[in-house]
C-alpha atoms as a PDB file:
ATOM      1  CA  MET A   1     264.161 197.338   7.982  1.00  0.00           C
ATOM      2  CA  LYS A   2     263.696 194.979  10.926  1.00  0.00           C
ATOM      3  CA  ALA A   3     266.467 196.719  12.871  1.00  0.00           C
ATOM      4  CA  ALA A   4     264.848 200.131  12.315  1.00  0.00           C
ATOM      5  CA  VAL A   5     261.497 198.729  13.463  1.00  0.00           C
ATOM      6  CA  LEU A   6     263.065 197.268  16.606  1.00  0.00           C
ATOM      7  CA  ARG A   7     264.856 200.540  17.420  1.00  0.00           C
ATOM      8  CA  TYR A   8     261.643 202.518  16.931  1.00  0.00           C
ATOM      9  CA  ARG A   9     259.515 200.181  19.033  1.00  0.00           C
ATOM     10  CA  VAL A  10     262.032 200.040  21.903  1.00  0.00           C
ATOM     11  CA  MET A  11     262.440 203.806  21.955  1.00  0.00           C
ATOM     12  CA  ALA A  12     258.681 204.362  21.735  1.00  0.00           C
ATOM     13  CA  TYR A  13     258.078 202.221  24.813  1.00  0.00           C
ATOM     14  CA  ILE A  14     260.999 203.644  26.812  1.00  0.00           C
ATOM     15  CA  THR A  15     260.092 207.242  25.943  1.00  0.00           C
ATOM     16  CA  GLY A  16     256.438 206.586  26.787  1.00  0.00           C
ATOM     17  CA  VAL A  17     257.227 205.074  30.180  1.00  0.00           C
ATOM     18  CA  VAL A  18     259.636 207.864  31.128  1.00  0.00           C
ATOM     19  CA  LEU A  19     257.118 210.509  30.040  1.00  0.00           C
ATOM     20  CA  MET A  20     254.417 208.856  32.158  1.00  0.00           C
ATOM     21  CA  VAL A  21     256.756 208.838  35.161  1.00  0.00           C
ATOM     22  CA  LEU A  22     257.524 212.507  34.547  1.00  0.00           C
ATOM     23  CA  CYS A  23     253.871 213.536  34.220  1.00  0.00           C
ATOM     24  CA  PHE A  24     252.246 211.312  36.819  1.00  0.00           C
ATOM     25  CA  VAL A  25     255.021 211.177  39.433  1.00  0.00           C
ATOM     26  CA  GLY A  26     257.531 213.982  38.802  1.00  0.00           C
ATOM     27  CA  ILE A  27     255.102 216.854  38.245  1.00  0.00           C
ATOM     28  CA  PRO A  28     252.946 216.062  41.313  1.00  0.00           C
ATOM     29  CA  LEU A  29     256.106 215.790  43.432  1.00  0.00           C
ATOM     30  CA  GLN A  30     257.323 219.111  42.039  1.00  0.00           C
ATOM     31  CA  ILE A  31     254.015 220.715  43.004  1.00  0.00           C
ATOM     32  CA  ALA A  32     254.388 219.163  46.465  1.00  0.00           C
ATOM     33  CA  GLY A  33     257.776 220.849  46.845  1.00  0.00           C
ATOM     34  CA  TYR A  34     260.183 218.146  45.635  1.00  0.00           C
ATOM     35  CA  PRO A  35     261.463 219.388  42.268  1.00  0.00           C
ATOM     36  CA  ALA A  36     264.451 217.030  42.008  1.00  0.00           C
ATOM     37  CA  VAL A  37     262.466 214.124  40.529  1.00  0.00           C
ATOM     38  CA  ALA A  38     260.850 216.268  37.839  1.00  0.00           C
ATOM     39  CA  ASN A  39     264.175 217.872  36.977  1.00  0.00           C
ATOM     40  CA  ASP A  40     266.077 214.597  36.698  1.00  0.00           C
ATOM     41  CA  VAL A  41     263.353 212.671  34.879  1.00  0.00           C
ATOM     42  CA  GLY A  42     262.743 215.679  32.632  1.00  0.00           C
ATOM     43  CA  VAL A  43     266.374 215.695  31.513  1.00  0.00           C
ATOM     44  CA  VAL A  44     266.293 211.927  30.910  1.00  0.00           C
ATOM     45  CA  HIS A  45     263.084 212.255  28.908  1.00  0.00           C
ATOM     46  CA  GLY A  46     264.575 215.063  26.834  1.00  0.00           C
ATOM     47  CA  ILE A  47     267.604 212.965  25.895  1.00  0.00           C
ATOM     48  CA  LEU A  48     265.494 209.880  25.184  1.00  0.00           C
ATOM     49  CA  TYR A  49     263.029 211.922  23.122  1.00  0.00           C
ATOM     50  CA  ILE A  50     265.832 213.112  20.850  1.00  0.00           C
ATOM     51  CA  ILE A  51     266.902 209.495  20.326  1.00  0.00           C
ATOM     52  CA  TYR A  52     263.237 208.569  19.716  1.00  0.00           C
ATOM     53  CA  LEU A  53     262.974 211.329  17.086  1.00  0.00           C
ATOM     54  CA  VAL A  54     265.981 209.967  15.211  1.00  0.00           C
ATOM     55  CA  CYS A  55     264.643 206.385  15.321  1.00  0.00           C
ATOM     56  CA  ALA A  56     261.133 207.428  14.269  1.00  0.00           C
ATOM     57  CA  TRP A  57     262.481 209.601  11.436  1.00  0.00           C
ATOM     58  CA  MET A  58     264.677 206.775  10.141  1.00  0.00           C
ATOM     59  CA  LEU A  59     261.747 204.366  10.187  1.00  0.00           C
ATOM     60  CA  ALA A  60     259.409 206.871   8.533  1.00  0.00           C
ATOM     61  CA  ARG A  61     261.915 207.409   5.719  1.00  0.00           C
ATOM     62  CA  GLY A  62     262.441 203.657   5.377  1.00  0.00           C
ATOM     63  CA  LEU A  63     258.686 203.077   5.085  1.00  0.00           C
ATOM     64  CA  ARG A  64     258.316 206.111   2.784  1.00  0.00           C
ATOM     65  CA  LEU A  65     255.561 207.553   4.938  1.00  0.00           C
ATOM     66  CA  GLY A  66     253.810 210.757   4.023  1.00  0.00           C
ATOM     67  CA  THR A  67     254.058 213.967   5.993  1.00  0.00           C
ATOM     68  CA  LYS A  68     251.009 213.424   8.220  1.00  0.00           C
ATOM     69  CA  PRO A  69     251.947 209.944   9.576  1.00  0.00           C
ATOM     70  CA  THR A  70     255.552 211.088  10.049  1.00  0.00           C
ATOM     71  CA  VAL A  71     254.522 214.152  12.071  1.00  0.00           C
ATOM     72  CA  ILE A  72     252.145 212.025  14.164  1.00  0.00           C
ATOM     73  CA  MET A  73     254.973 209.593  14.902  1.00  0.00           C
ATOM     74  CA  LEU A  74     257.362 212.375  15.849  1.00  0.00           C
ATOM     75  CA  LEU A  75     254.917 214.213  18.121  1.00  0.00           C
ATOM     76  CA  ALA A  76     253.713 211.080  19.909  1.00  0.00           C
ATOM     77  CA  GLY A  77     256.599 211.334  22.376  1.00  0.00           C
ATOM     78  CA  THR A  78     255.266 214.621  23.738  1.00  0.00           C
ATOM     79  CA  ILE A  79     251.859 213.390  24.961  1.00  0.00           C
ATOM     80  CA  PRO A  80     251.615 210.817  27.765  1.00  0.00           C
ATOM     81  CA  ILE A  81     250.400 207.386  26.595  1.00  0.00           C
ATOM     82  CA  MET A  82     250.366 208.458  22.906  1.00  0.00           C
ATOM     83  CA  THR A  83     253.626 206.655  22.098  1.00  0.00           C
ATOM     84  CA  PHE A  84     251.905 203.352  22.876  1.00  0.00           C
ATOM     85  CA  VAL A  85     248.828 204.191  20.792  1.00  0.00           C
ATOM     86  CA  VAL A  86     250.810 205.527  17.821  1.00  0.00           C
ATOM     87  CA  GLU A  87     253.279 202.624  17.939  1.00  0.00           C
ATOM     88  CA  ARG A  88     250.386 200.130  17.622  1.00  0.00           C
ATOM     89  CA  TRP A  89     248.825 202.201  14.826  1.00  0.00           C
ATOM     90  CA  VAL A  90     252.096 202.465  12.887  1.00  0.00           C
ATOM     91  CA  THR A  91     252.753 198.743  13.343  1.00  0.00           C
ATOM     92  CA  ARG A  92     249.349 197.677  12.071  1.00  0.00           C
ATOM     93  CA  ARG A  93     248.992 200.236   9.306  1.00  0.00           C
ATOM     94  CA  PHE A  94     252.517 200.538   7.918  1.00  0.00           C
ATOM     95  CA  ILE A  95     255.086 198.138   9.418  1.00  0.00           C
ATOM     96  CA  ASN A  96     253.229 194.822   9.114  1.00  0.00           C
ATOM     97  CA  PRO A  97     252.293 195.350   5.449  1.00  0.00           C
ATOM     98  CA  ALA A  98     255.867 196.450   4.660  1.00  0.00           C
ATOM     99  CA  LEU A  99     257.285 193.313   6.283  1.00  0.00           C
ATOM    100  CA  GLY A 100     254.699 191.068   4.662  1.00  0.00           C
ATOM    101  CA  LYS A 101     252.891 190.388   7.923  1.00  0.00           C
ATOM    102  CA  GLY A 102     249.748 192.287   6.960  1.00  0.00           C
ATOM    103  CA  PRO A 103     246.296 190.792   7.019  1.00  0.00           C
ATOM    104  CA  ALA A 104     245.554 188.124   4.461  1.00  0.00           C
ATOM    105  CA  PRO A 105     243.686 189.182   1.327  1.00  0.00           C
ATOM    106  CA  ALA A 106     239.930 189.285   1.770  1.00  0.00           C
ATOM    107  CA  GLN A 107     238.227 185.982   1.019  1.00  0.00           C
ATOM    108  CA  PRO A 108     234.717 185.836  -0.439  1.00  0.00           C
ATOM    109  CA  ALA A 109     232.082 185.043   2.175  1.00  0.00           C
ATOM    110  CA  ALA A 110     230.991 181.389   2.310  1.00  0.00           C
ATOM    111  CA  GLY A 111     227.277 182.027   1.721  1.00  0.00           C
ATOM    112  CA  ARG A 112     227.627 184.441  -1.179  1.00  0.00           C
ATOM    113  CA  ALA A 113     226.919 183.395  -4.713  1.00  0.00           C
ATOM    114  CA  ARG A 114     229.628 184.212  -7.213  1.00  0.00           C
ATOM    115  CA  SER A 115     228.641 186.243 -10.183  1.00  0.00           C
ATOM    116  CA  LEU A 116     228.897 184.378 -13.444  1.00  0.00           C
ATOM    117  CA  LYS A 117     230.584 186.051 -16.379  1.00  0.00           C
ATOM    118  CA  PRO A 118     228.897 185.443 -19.746  1.00  0.00           C
END
């Protein structure tokens, strides 16, 4: 499980960075008349996105995620900055509890009186 998590996290960050370069550098340069950057970075992003899809799918199956979280994970690589947001969400909501790193069980507040059972 840890290897699948590491693969997913690495690919999420790499795919996110390359997509940001494509959208915020490549597209403006293409509009300015320099299409080579957008073409090259677009091809790299396409290849990396396919690898990201495989890693995200393997992790989703390993965590036994439902359809909605799986689709969100898979589509995150198509929207700039969303891979970072979804990676944090998946880590906190699904990965940490699965690895036993989730938040500690809720403790009763210090000032509250405990109810007495008869």
